[in-house]
Amino acid sequence: MHLIQLFLPLRDNDGQAFPKAMYDEVRADLAERFGGVTAFVRSPALGLWEDDDGDVQRDDVVLLEVMTDHVDHGWWAAYRKRLEQRFRQDEVLVRATRVERL
């Protein structure tokens, strides 16, 4: 079993909040494909990262998670690219972790 986590920004690079409908669409996509999704949206996570110039950047992000038996790397790479375009990001973090269901 794998836990797939997606970190989506709350705002674009100019500080403008993305509309709720964008997150609703991602949740619906994931729920349809994987049979369920968990979204952590009430308390955004704070992400700090260093850009190419060495400056520390800040992102407030929401976390979405799905569980799946198999990770289709090709599908996830294409989906991540679509999310990067939709949310106007250089990179959207999507990660997979092997988990044991208890």
Protein backbone atom coordinates (compact mmCIF):
# COMPACT_ATOMS: atom_id res chain seq x y z
CA MET A 1 0.00 0.00 0.00
CA HIS A 2 1.23 3.51 -0.81
CA LEU A 3 0.26 6.89 0.59
CA ILE A 4 0.44 9.61 -2.07
CA GLN A 5 0.62 13.19 -0.77
CA LEU A 6 0.10 16.35 -2.81
CA PHE A 7 1.13 19.77 -1.51
CA LEU A 8 -0.88 22.52 -3.20
CA PRO A 9 -0.21 26.23 -2.67
CA LEU A 10 -2.91 28.51 -1.30
CA ARG A 11 -1.68 31.53 -3.29
CA ASP A 12 0.01 32.26 -6.56
CA ASN A 13 3.42 33.93 -6.78
CA ASP A 14 1.78 37.37 -6.53
CA GLY A 15 0.03 36.46 -3.26
CA GLN A 16 -3.44 36.06 -4.77
CA ALA A 17 -5.49 33.25 -3.26
CA PHE A 18 -6.62 30.49 -5.58
CA PRO A 19 -10.39 29.96 -5.71
CA LYS A 20 -11.85 27.12 -3.64
CA ALA A 21 -13.21 25.56 -6.84
CA MET A 22 -9.66 24.68 -7.93
CA TYR A 23 -9.16 22.50 -4.85
CA ASP A 24 -12.66 21.03 -5.18
CA GLU A 25 -11.77 19.93 -8.71
CA VAL A 26 -8.54 18.24 -7.57
CA ARG A 27 -10.38 16.48 -4.72
CA ALA A 28 -13.06 15.27 -7.14
CA ASP A 29 -10.41 14.01 -9.61
CA LEU A 30 -8.59 12.07 -6.92
CA ALA A 31 -11.74 10.69 -5.27
CA GLU A 32 -12.98 9.42 -8.63
CA ARG A 33 -9.68 7.79 -9.57
CA PHE A 34 -8.74 6.35 -6.15
CA GLY A 35 -12.10 5.89 -4.46
CA GLY A 36 -11.40 8.48 -1.79
CA VAL A 37 -9.21 11.40 -0.76
CA THR A 38 -8.31 13.15 2.47
CA ALA A 39 -7.81 16.92 2.34
CA PHE A 40 -6.21 18.92 5.13
CA VAL A 41 -7.50 22.41 4.39
CA ARG A 42 -8.48 24.10 7.66
CA SER A 43 -4.98 24.72 8.97
CA PRO A 44 -2.62 25.30 6.08
CA ALA A 45 0.87 23.91 6.46
CA LEU A 46 3.79 26.30 6.21
CA GLY A 47 6.42 25.33 3.68
CA LEU A 48 9.82 27.01 3.59
CA TRP A 49 12.25 26.36 0.77
CA GLU A 50 15.39 27.90 -0.67
CA ASP A 51 15.25 29.19 -4.23
CA ASP A 52 18.10 29.15 -6.77
CA ASP A 53 19.39 32.50 -5.47
CA GLY A 54 19.63 31.19 -1.90
CA ASP A 55 16.64 33.20 -0.70
CA VAL A 56 14.16 31.48 1.61
CA GLN A 57 10.66 31.37 0.13
CA ARG A 58 7.44 30.66 2.01
CA ASP A 59 4.36 28.78 0.84
CA ASP A 60 1.15 28.12 2.70
CA VAL A 61 -0.06 24.78 1.40
CA VAL A 62 -2.95 22.39 1.70
CA LEU A 63 -2.25 18.68 1.80
CA LEU A 64 -4.25 16.07 -0.06
CA GLU A 65 -3.70 12.33 0.39
CA VAL A 66 -4.80 9.18 -1.36
CA MET A 67 -3.93 5.53 -0.77
CA THR A 68 -3.32 3.04 -3.54
CA ASP A 69 -1.96 -0.44 -4.01
CA HIS A 70 0.10 0.51 -7.06
CA VAL A 71 1.91 3.74 -7.95
CA ASP A 72 1.53 4.53 -11.66
CA HIS A 73 4.58 6.79 -12.05
CA GLY A 74 3.65 7.88 -15.58
CA TRP A 75 0.15 8.94 -14.56
CA TRP A 76 1.45 10.81 -11.51
CA ALA A 77 4.14 12.63 -13.55
CA ALA A 78 1.52 13.81 -16.05
CA TYR A 79 -0.95 14.78 -13.30
CA ARG A 80 1.75 16.72 -11.43
CA LYS A 81 2.53 18.66 -14.64
CA ARG A 82 -1.16 19.52 -15.02
CA LEU A 83 -1.27 20.74 -11.42
CA GLU A 84 1.86 22.85 -11.96
CA GLN A 85 0.18 24.52 -14.93
CA ARG A 86 -3.16 24.94 -13.18
CA PHE A 87 -1.60 26.44 -10.04
CA ARG A 88 1.11 28.34 -12.00
CA GLN A 89 3.97 26.72 -10.07
CA ASP A 90 7.50 25.73 -11.06
CA GLU A 91 6.97 22.56 -9.04
CA VAL A 92 4.17 20.92 -7.10
CA LEU A 93 5.42 18.39 -4.58
CA VAL A 94 3.86 14.96 -4.94
CA ARG A 95 5.40 12.17 -2.91
CA ALA A 96 4.70 8.51 -2.30
CA THR A 97 5.46 6.55 0.83
CA ARG A 98 5.06 2.83 1.32
CA VAL A 99 2.69 2.27 4.27
CA GLU A 100 1.29 -0.65 6.17
CA ARG A 101 -2.43 -0.67 6.78
CA LEU A 102 -3.16 -1.61 10.39
